[in-house]
Amino acid sequence: MVQSVFVLLLGFPGVGKLTIARELVTALSGQVIDNHWINNPILALLADDGRRTLPDAVWEQTAKVRQAVLDTVATLCPPAANFIFTNSGIQGDARSLAFYQQMKDASDRRGAHFVPVRLLCEEAELVRRVMSPTRRDRLKSIDPE
């Protein structure tokens, strides 16, 4: 039986999760499903400037979108398909832990090999990257705090 791979790239906003995912996907012949691919249907409806803290209800809605995507991946996609996901989870945060468990559960249902990877970079580089105006094109945060 061919086992697919679920790679989960975790890190602070601006660390380069999507950049790395785009490189990795060529080696794995898979599909990138970054957190904004899931979040943006909800975020696009809001007047968000990329700096303010969004209400918890926003993330409750994006969790529903994520679950629909994960259910589809787990049950309808070709068995050998590989996926690379991104998220900016926070250690010890309940919502981040729930997200991680959603990912692990979907991987298990699919029978995929689950590979979580934490990405880090120097703080000065992180601040420089997160403040890039091009991040707003994908509704990403540009707040260095």
N, C-alpha and C. Protein backbone atom coordinates (compact mmCIF):
# COMPACT_ATOMS: atom_id res chain seq x y z
N MET A 1 0.84 -1.18 0.00
CA MET A 1 0.00 0.00 0.00
C MET A 1 0.89 1.25 0.00
N VAL A 2 0.58 2.18 -0.87
CA VAL A 2 1.31 3.44 -0.94
C VAL A 2 0.80 4.35 0.17
N GLN A 3 1.73 4.86 0.97
CA GLN A 3 1.34 5.75 2.06
C GLN A 3 1.64 7.19 1.66
N SER A 4 0.62 8.01 1.73
CA SER A 4 0.83 9.43 1.42
C SER A 4 1.44 10.13 2.62
N VAL A 5 1.85 11.37 2.39
CA VAL A 5 2.52 12.16 3.42
C VAL A 5 1.72 13.43 3.69
N PHE A 6 1.54 13.73 4.95
CA PHE A 6 1.00 15.01 5.42
C PHE A 6 2.16 15.74 6.07
N VAL A 7 2.67 16.78 5.45
CA VAL A 7 3.71 17.60 6.07
C VAL A 7 3.01 18.82 6.64
N LEU A 8 3.30 19.15 7.88
CA LEU A 8 2.74 20.33 8.53
C LEU A 8 3.88 21.25 8.91
N LEU A 9 3.98 22.39 8.22
CA LEU A 9 5.00 23.39 8.52
C LEU A 9 4.42 24.40 9.50
N LEU A 10 5.02 24.49 10.67
CA LEU A 10 4.57 25.36 11.74
C LEU A 10 5.60 26.45 12.00
N GLY A 11 5.14 27.67 12.25
CA GLY A 11 6.07 28.74 12.57
C GLY A 11 5.37 30.08 12.66
N PHE A 12 6.09 31.04 13.19
CA PHE A 12 5.55 32.39 13.32
C PHE A 12 5.21 32.98 11.96
N PRO A 13 4.26 33.92 11.90
CA PRO A 13 4.01 34.63 10.64
C PRO A 13 5.31 35.26 10.13
N GLY A 14 5.58 35.05 8.85
CA GLY A 14 6.76 35.63 8.23
C GLY A 14 7.99 34.74 8.23
N VAL A 15 7.92 33.58 8.86
CA VAL A 15 9.10 32.71 8.95
C VAL A 15 9.43 32.04 7.61
N GLY A 16 8.47 32.00 6.70
CA GLY A 16 8.73 31.42 5.39
C GLY A 16 8.06 30.08 5.15
N LYS A 17 6.97 29.82 5.84
CA LYS A 17 6.27 28.54 5.69
C LYS A 17 5.83 28.29 4.26
N LEU A 18 5.19 29.28 3.65
CA LEU A 18 4.70 29.12 2.28
C LEU A 18 5.85 29.01 1.29
N THR A 19 6.89 29.78 1.50
CA THR A 19 8.07 29.72 0.62
C THR A 19 8.67 28.31 0.64
N ILE A 20 8.82 27.75 1.82
CA ILE A 20 9.38 26.41 1.96
C ILE A 20 8.42 25.37 1.40
N ALA A 21 7.13 25.53 1.67
CA ALA A 21 6.13 24.59 1.15
C ALA A 21 6.17 24.53 -0.37
N ARG A 22 6.31 25.68 -1.01
CA ARG A 22 6.35 25.71 -2.48
C ARG A 22 7.58 24.99 -3.03
N GLU A 23 8.68 25.03 -2.31
CA GLU A 23 9.88 24.29 -2.73
C GLU A 23 9.70 22.80 -2.46
N LEU A 24 9.17 22.48 -1.30
CA LEU A 24 9.01 21.09 -0.89
C LEU A 24 8.02 20.33 -1.77
N VAL A 25 7.01 21.03 -2.25
CA VAL A 25 5.96 20.36 -3.03
C VAL A 25 6.50 19.78 -4.34
N THR A 26 7.54 20.38 -4.88
CA THR A 26 8.11 19.82 -6.12
C THR A 26 8.81 18.49 -5.84
N ALA A 27 9.42 18.37 -4.68
CA ALA A 27 10.10 17.12 -4.32
C ALA A 27 9.10 16.02 -3.97
N LEU A 28 7.98 16.40 -3.40
CA LEU A 28 6.99 15.41 -2.96
C LEU A 28 5.88 15.16 -3.98
N SER A 29 5.83 15.95 -5.03
CA SER A 29 4.71 15.85 -5.97
C SER A 29 3.39 15.87 -5.21
N GLY A 30 3.17 16.96 -4.52
CA GLY A 30 1.96 17.07 -3.72
C GLY A 30 1.24 18.37 -3.96
N GLN A 31 0.42 18.73 -3.01
CA GLN A 31 -0.36 19.96 -3.08
C GLN A 31 -0.13 20.76 -1.81
N VAL A 32 0.07 22.06 -1.97
CA VAL A 32 0.22 22.96 -0.83
C VAL A 32 -1.16 23.47 -0.42
N ILE A 33 -1.47 23.31 0.85
CA ILE A 33 -2.68 23.89 1.42
C ILE A 33 -2.21 24.75 2.60
N ASP A 34 -1.91 26.01 2.28
CA ASP A 34 -1.41 26.87 3.36
C ASP A 34 -2.57 27.45 4.15
N ASN A 35 -2.27 27.97 5.33
CA ASN A 35 -3.33 28.44 6.21
C ASN A 35 -4.17 29.55 5.59
N HIS A 36 -3.61 30.33 4.68
CA HIS A 36 -4.43 31.38 4.06
C HIS A 36 -5.32 30.84 2.95
N TRP A 37 -4.98 29.72 2.39
CA TRP A 37 -5.85 29.05 1.43
C TRP A 37 -7.16 28.69 2.14
N ILE A 38 -7.05 28.35 3.42
CA ILE A 38 -8.21 28.00 4.24
C ILE A 38 -8.84 29.24 4.88
N ASN A 39 -8.03 30.15 5.40
CA ASN A 39 -8.55 31.31 6.15
C ASN A 39 -9.14 32.40 5.27
N ASN A 40 -8.62 32.58 4.07
CA ASN A 40 -9.00 33.75 3.27
C ASN A 40 -10.46 33.81 2.84
N PRO A 41 -11.17 32.71 2.65
CA PRO A 41 -12.60 32.87 2.36
C PRO A 41 -13.34 33.63 3.46
N ILE A 42 -12.89 33.47 4.70
CA ILE A 42 -13.49 34.20 5.82
C ILE A 42 -12.85 35.58 5.96
N LEU A 43 -11.52 35.65 5.95
CA LEU A 43 -10.83 36.92 6.14
C LEU A 43 -11.17 37.95 5.06
N ALA A 44 -11.43 37.49 3.85
CA ALA A 44 -11.75 38.41 2.74
C ALA A 44 -13.07 39.14 2.97
N LEU A 45 -13.91 38.62 3.83
CA LEU A 45 -15.20 39.25 4.11
C LEU A 45 -15.09 40.36 5.15
N LEU A 46 -13.94 40.45 5.80
CA LEU A 46 -13.75 41.40 6.90
C LEU A 46 -12.92 42.59 6.46
N ALA A 47 -13.08 43.68 7.15
CA ALA A 47 -12.27 44.88 6.88
C ALA A 47 -11.02 44.81 7.76
N ASP A 48 -10.16 43.85 7.46
CA ASP A 48 -8.97 43.62 8.27
C ASP A 48 -7.78 44.35 7.68
N ASP A 49 -7.03 45.03 8.54
CA ASP A 49 -5.86 45.78 8.07
C ASP A 49 -4.56 45.01 8.23
N GLY A 50 -4.64 43.79 8.74
CA GLY A 50 -3.44 42.98 8.93
C GLY A 50 -2.69 43.30 10.21
N ARG A 51 -3.23 44.19 11.01
CA ARG A 51 -2.55 44.59 12.25
C ARG A 51 -3.40 44.35 13.50
N ARG A 52 -4.69 44.48 13.38
CA ARG A 52 -5.53 44.37 14.57
C ARG A 52 -5.77 42.90 14.93
N THR A 53 -6.09 42.67 16.18
CA THR A 53 -6.42 41.33 16.65
C THR A 53 -7.86 41.04 16.25
N LEU A 54 -8.06 39.93 15.60
CA LEU A 54 -9.40 39.56 15.16
C LEU A 54 -10.14 38.82 16.28
N PRO A 55 -11.46 38.94 16.32
CA PRO A 55 -12.23 38.25 17.36
C PRO A 55 -12.14 36.73 17.21
N ASP A 56 -12.30 36.03 18.32
CA ASP A 56 -12.24 34.57 18.31
C ASP A 56 -13.25 33.96 17.35
N ALA A 57 -14.39 34.60 17.17
CA ALA A 57 -15.43 34.07 16.28
C ALA A 57 -14.92 33.89 14.85
N VAL A 58 -13.97 34.72 14.44
CA VAL A 58 -13.38 34.58 13.10
C VAL A 58 -12.71 33.22 12.98
N TRP A 59 -11.95 32.85 13.99
CA TRP A 59 -11.19 31.60 13.95
C TRP A 59 -12.11 30.39 14.09
N GLU A 60 -13.25 30.57 14.75
CA GLU A 60 -14.25 29.49 14.80
C GLU A 60 -14.77 29.20 13.40
N GLN A 61 -14.95 30.25 12.60
CA GLN A 61 -15.43 30.07 11.22
C GLN A 61 -14.36 29.44 10.33
N THR A 62 -13.11 29.89 10.48
CA THR A 62 -12.05 29.29 9.66
C THR A 62 -11.84 27.83 10.02
N ALA A 63 -12.08 27.47 11.28
CA ALA A 63 -11.96 26.06 11.69
C ALA A 63 -12.97 25.19 10.94
N LYS A 64 -14.15 25.74 10.66
CA LYS A 64 -15.15 24.99 9.90
C LYS A 64 -14.68 24.76 8.47
N VAL A 65 -14.09 25.79 7.87
CA VAL A 65 -13.56 25.65 6.51
C VAL A 65 -12.45 24.59 6.52
N ARG A 66 -11.55 24.70 7.49
CA ARG A 66 -10.44 23.74 7.59
C ARG A 66 -10.96 22.31 7.72
N GLN A 67 -11.98 22.12 8.57
CA GLN A 67 -12.50 20.78 8.75
C GLN A 67 -13.09 20.23 7.46
N ALA A 68 -13.79 21.07 6.70
CA ALA A 68 -14.34 20.63 5.41
C ALA A 68 -13.21 20.23 4.46
N VAL A 69 -12.14 21.01 4.43
CA VAL A 69 -10.99 20.69 3.58
C VAL A 69 -10.36 19.38 4.03
N LEU A 70 -10.13 19.23 5.33
CA LEU A 70 -9.50 18.01 5.83
C LEU A 70 -10.37 16.78 5.62
N ASP A 71 -11.69 16.92 5.78
CA ASP A 71 -12.59 15.80 5.51
C ASP A 71 -12.50 15.37 4.05
N THR A 72 -12.42 16.35 3.16
CA THR A 72 -12.29 16.06 1.73
C THR A 72 -10.97 15.37 1.43
N VAL A 73 -9.89 15.89 1.98
CA VAL A 73 -8.57 15.29 1.77
C VAL A 73 -8.55 13.86 2.32
N ALA A 74 -9.12 13.66 3.50
CA ALA A 74 -9.07 12.36 4.15
C ALA A 74 -9.91 11.30 3.45
N THR A 75 -10.99 11.71 2.79
CA THR A 75 -11.93 10.71 2.27
C THR A 75 -12.09 10.69 0.75
N LEU A 76 -11.75 11.77 0.06
CA LEU A 76 -12.04 11.83 -1.37
C LEU A 76 -10.82 11.94 -2.29
N CYS A 77 -9.70 12.38 -1.77
CA CYS A 77 -8.51 12.56 -2.61
C CYS A 77 -7.85 11.22 -2.91
N PRO A 78 -7.11 11.14 -4.02
CA PRO A 78 -6.42 9.89 -4.35
C PRO A 78 -5.54 9.41 -3.20
N PRO A 79 -5.51 8.11 -2.93
CA PRO A 79 -4.78 7.58 -1.78
C PRO A 79 -3.29 7.94 -1.74
N ALA A 80 -2.65 8.07 -2.87
CA ALA A 80 -1.21 8.35 -2.88
C ALA A 80 -0.88 9.84 -2.87
N ALA A 81 -1.89 10.70 -2.86
CA ALA A 81 -1.64 12.15 -2.92
C ALA A 81 -0.95 12.63 -1.63
N ASN A 82 0.02 13.52 -1.81
CA ASN A 82 0.75 14.12 -0.69
C ASN A 82 0.27 15.55 -0.48
N PHE A 83 0.32 16.01 0.77
CA PHE A 83 -0.15 17.35 1.09
C PHE A 83 0.84 18.04 2.03
N ILE A 84 1.02 19.33 1.79
CA ILE A 84 1.86 20.16 2.65
C ILE A 84 0.97 21.28 3.18
N PHE A 85 0.81 21.31 4.49
CA PHE A 85 -0.01 22.30 5.17
C PHE A 85 0.88 23.28 5.91
N THR A 86 0.38 24.49 6.13
CA THR A 86 1.10 25.47 6.94
C THR A 86 0.18 26.02 8.02
N ASN A 87 0.78 26.43 9.13
CA ASN A 87 0.02 27.07 10.19
C ASN A 87 0.98 27.80 11.12
N SER A 88 0.47 28.83 11.76
CA SER A 88 1.31 29.61 12.69
C SER A 88 0.87 29.37 14.12
N GLY A 89 0.74 28.12 14.50
CA GLY A 89 0.30 27.78 15.84
C GLY A 89 1.21 28.33 16.93
N ILE A 90 0.64 28.49 18.10
CA ILE A 90 1.35 29.01 19.26
C ILE A 90 1.41 27.91 20.31
N GLN A 91 2.61 27.62 20.80
CA GLN A 91 2.80 26.57 21.78
C GLN A 91 1.94 26.82 23.02
N GLY A 92 1.16 25.80 23.42
CA GLY A 92 0.33 25.90 24.60
C GLY A 92 -1.03 26.54 24.38
N ASP A 93 -1.29 27.10 23.20
CA ASP A 93 -2.55 27.76 22.88
C ASP A 93 -3.61 26.70 22.55
N ALA A 94 -4.78 26.80 23.16
CA ALA A 94 -5.83 25.80 22.98
C ALA A 94 -6.26 25.68 21.52
N ARG A 95 -6.43 26.81 20.84
CA ARG A 95 -6.85 26.78 19.43
C ARG A 95 -5.77 26.12 18.57
N SER A 96 -4.51 26.41 18.85
CA SER A 96 -3.41 25.81 18.10
C SER A 96 -3.34 24.30 18.34
N LEU A 97 -3.57 23.89 19.57
CA LEU A 97 -3.58 22.46 19.87
C LEU A 97 -4.73 21.75 19.17
N ALA A 98 -5.91 22.40 19.13
CA ALA A 98 -7.06 21.82 18.43
C ALA A 98 -6.77 21.69 16.94
N PHE A 99 -6.12 22.71 16.36
CA PHE A 99 -5.75 22.65 14.95
C PHE A 99 -4.81 21.48 14.70
N TYR A 100 -3.80 21.35 15.53
CA TYR A 100 -2.82 20.27 15.38
C TYR A 100 -3.54 18.91 15.44
N GLN A 101 -4.47 18.77 16.38
CA GLN A 101 -5.20 17.51 16.49
C GLN A 101 -6.08 17.26 15.27
N GLN A 102 -6.69 18.32 14.72
CA GLN A 102 -7.47 18.19 13.47
C GLN A 102 -6.58 17.61 12.37
N MET A 103 -5.38 18.14 12.26
CA MET A 103 -4.44 17.69 11.23
C MET A 103 -4.04 16.23 11.45
N LYS A 104 -3.70 15.91 12.68
CA LYS A 104 -3.28 14.54 13.01
C LYS A 104 -4.42 13.56 12.76
N ASP A 105 -5.63 13.92 13.15
CA ASP A 105 -6.78 13.05 12.94
C ASP A 105 -7.03 12.80 11.45
N ALA A 106 -6.95 13.86 10.64
CA ALA A 106 -7.15 13.70 9.20
C ALA A 106 -6.07 12.83 8.59
N SER A 107 -4.85 13.01 9.03
CA SER A 107 -3.74 12.18 8.55
C SER A 107 -3.98 10.71 8.92
N ASP A 108 -4.40 10.47 10.14
CA ASP A 108 -4.67 9.10 10.59
C ASP A 108 -5.81 8.48 9.80
N ARG A 109 -6.88 9.25 9.56
CA ARG A 109 -8.03 8.72 8.80
C ARG A 109 -7.61 8.34 7.39
N ARG A 110 -6.70 9.10 6.85
CA ARG A 110 -6.21 8.86 5.49
C ARG A 110 -5.17 7.75 5.44
N GLY A 111 -4.58 7.44 6.59
CA GLY A 111 -3.49 6.47 6.63
C GLY A 111 -2.18 7.07 6.13
N ALA A 112 -2.05 8.38 6.27
CA ALA A 112 -0.86 9.09 5.78
C ALA A 112 0.20 9.17 6.87
N HIS A 113 1.42 9.35 6.45
CA HIS A 113 2.53 9.58 7.37
C HIS A 113 2.51 11.06 7.74
N PHE A 114 2.39 11.37 9.03
CA PHE A 114 2.27 12.74 9.52
C PHE A 114 3.65 13.26 9.91
N VAL A 115 4.06 14.38 9.28
CA VAL A 115 5.39 14.94 9.51
C VAL A 115 5.27 16.42 9.91
N PRO A 116 5.18 16.71 11.22
CA PRO A 116 5.17 18.11 11.64
C PRO A 116 6.59 18.66 11.69
N VAL A 117 6.76 19.90 11.21
CA VAL A 117 8.08 20.55 11.17
C VAL A 117 7.93 21.96 11.71
N ARG A 118 8.73 22.30 12.71
CA ARG A 118 8.71 23.66 13.27
C ARG A 118 9.82 24.47 12.61
N LEU A 119 9.44 25.63 12.07
CA LEU A 119 10.40 26.51 11.40
C LEU A 119 10.72 27.70 12.29
N LEU A 120 11.99 28.05 12.33
CA LEU A 120 12.46 29.18 13.13
C LEU A 120 13.39 30.04 12.29
N CYS A 121 13.51 31.31 12.66
CA CYS A 121 14.52 32.19 12.07
C CYS A 121 14.85 33.28 13.08
N GLU A 122 15.92 34.00 12.83
CA GLU A 122 16.34 35.07 13.72
C GLU A 122 15.23 36.12 13.82
N GLU A 123 15.09 36.71 15.00
CA GLU A 123 14.01 37.67 15.25
C GLU A 123 14.06 38.87 14.30
N ALA A 124 15.24 39.41 14.05
CA ALA A 124 15.35 40.58 13.16
C ALA A 124 14.88 40.24 11.75
N GLU A 125 15.22 39.05 11.29
CA GLU A 125 14.78 38.61 9.96
C GLU A 125 13.27 38.39 9.95
N LEU A 126 12.75 37.85 11.02
CA LEU A 126 11.31 37.63 11.12
C LEU A 126 10.55 38.95 11.05
N VAL A 127 11.01 39.96 11.77
CA VAL A 127 10.37 41.29 11.75
C VAL A 127 10.44 41.87 10.35
N ARG A 128 11.59 41.76 9.71
CA ARG A 128 11.75 42.28 8.35
C ARG A 128 10.77 41.60 7.39
N ARG A 129 10.67 40.30 7.49
CA ARG A 129 9.81 39.54 6.58
C ARG A 129 8.33 39.81 6.83
N VAL A 130 7.92 39.85 8.10
CA VAL A 130 6.50 40.00 8.41
C VAL A 130 5.97 41.38 8.02
N MET A 131 6.83 42.37 7.95
CA MET A 131 6.40 43.73 7.61
C MET A 131 6.37 43.98 6.10
N SER A 132 6.70 43.00 5.30
CA SER A 132 6.69 43.15 3.85
C SER A 132 5.28 43.45 3.35
N PRO A 133 5.10 44.55 2.60
CA PRO A 133 3.76 44.90 2.11
C PRO A 133 3.15 43.83 1.20
N THR A 134 3.95 43.01 0.57
CA THR A 134 3.41 41.98 -0.33
C THR A 134 2.61 40.93 0.44
N ARG A 135 2.83 40.82 1.74
CA ARG A 135 2.07 39.86 2.55
C ARG A 135 0.58 40.19 2.55
N ARG A 136 0.22 41.45 2.41
CA ARG A 136 -1.19 41.83 2.41
C ARG A 136 -1.92 41.32 1.17
N ASP A 137 -1.19 41.01 0.11
CA ASP A 137 -1.83 40.46 -1.09
C ASP A 137 -2.58 39.17 -0.78
N ARG A 138 -2.10 38.44 0.21
CA ARG A 138 -2.74 37.18 0.60
C ARG A 138 -3.44 37.30 1.95
N LEU A 139 -3.72 38.54 2.37
CA LEU A 139 -4.42 38.85 3.62
C LEU A 139 -3.64 38.38 4.85
N LYS A 140 -2.33 38.39 4.76
CA LYS A 140 -1.48 37.98 5.87
C LYS A 140 -1.24 39.13 6.83
N SER A 141 -0.95 38.78 8.08
CA SER A 141 -0.62 39.77 9.10
C SER A 141 0.68 40.47 8.75
N ILE A 142 0.72 41.77 9.02
CA ILE A 142 1.96 42.54 8.83
C ILE A 142 2.36 43.22 10.14
N ASP A 143 1.83 42.72 11.24
CA ASP A 143 2.11 43.28 12.55
C ASP A 143 3.32 42.57 13.16
N PRO A 144 4.42 43.29 13.39
CA PRO A 144 5.61 42.65 13.94
C PRO A 144 5.49 42.29 15.42
N GLU A 145 4.44 42.73 16.07
CA GLU A 145 4.24 42.41 17.49
C GLU A 145 3.57 41.08 17.58
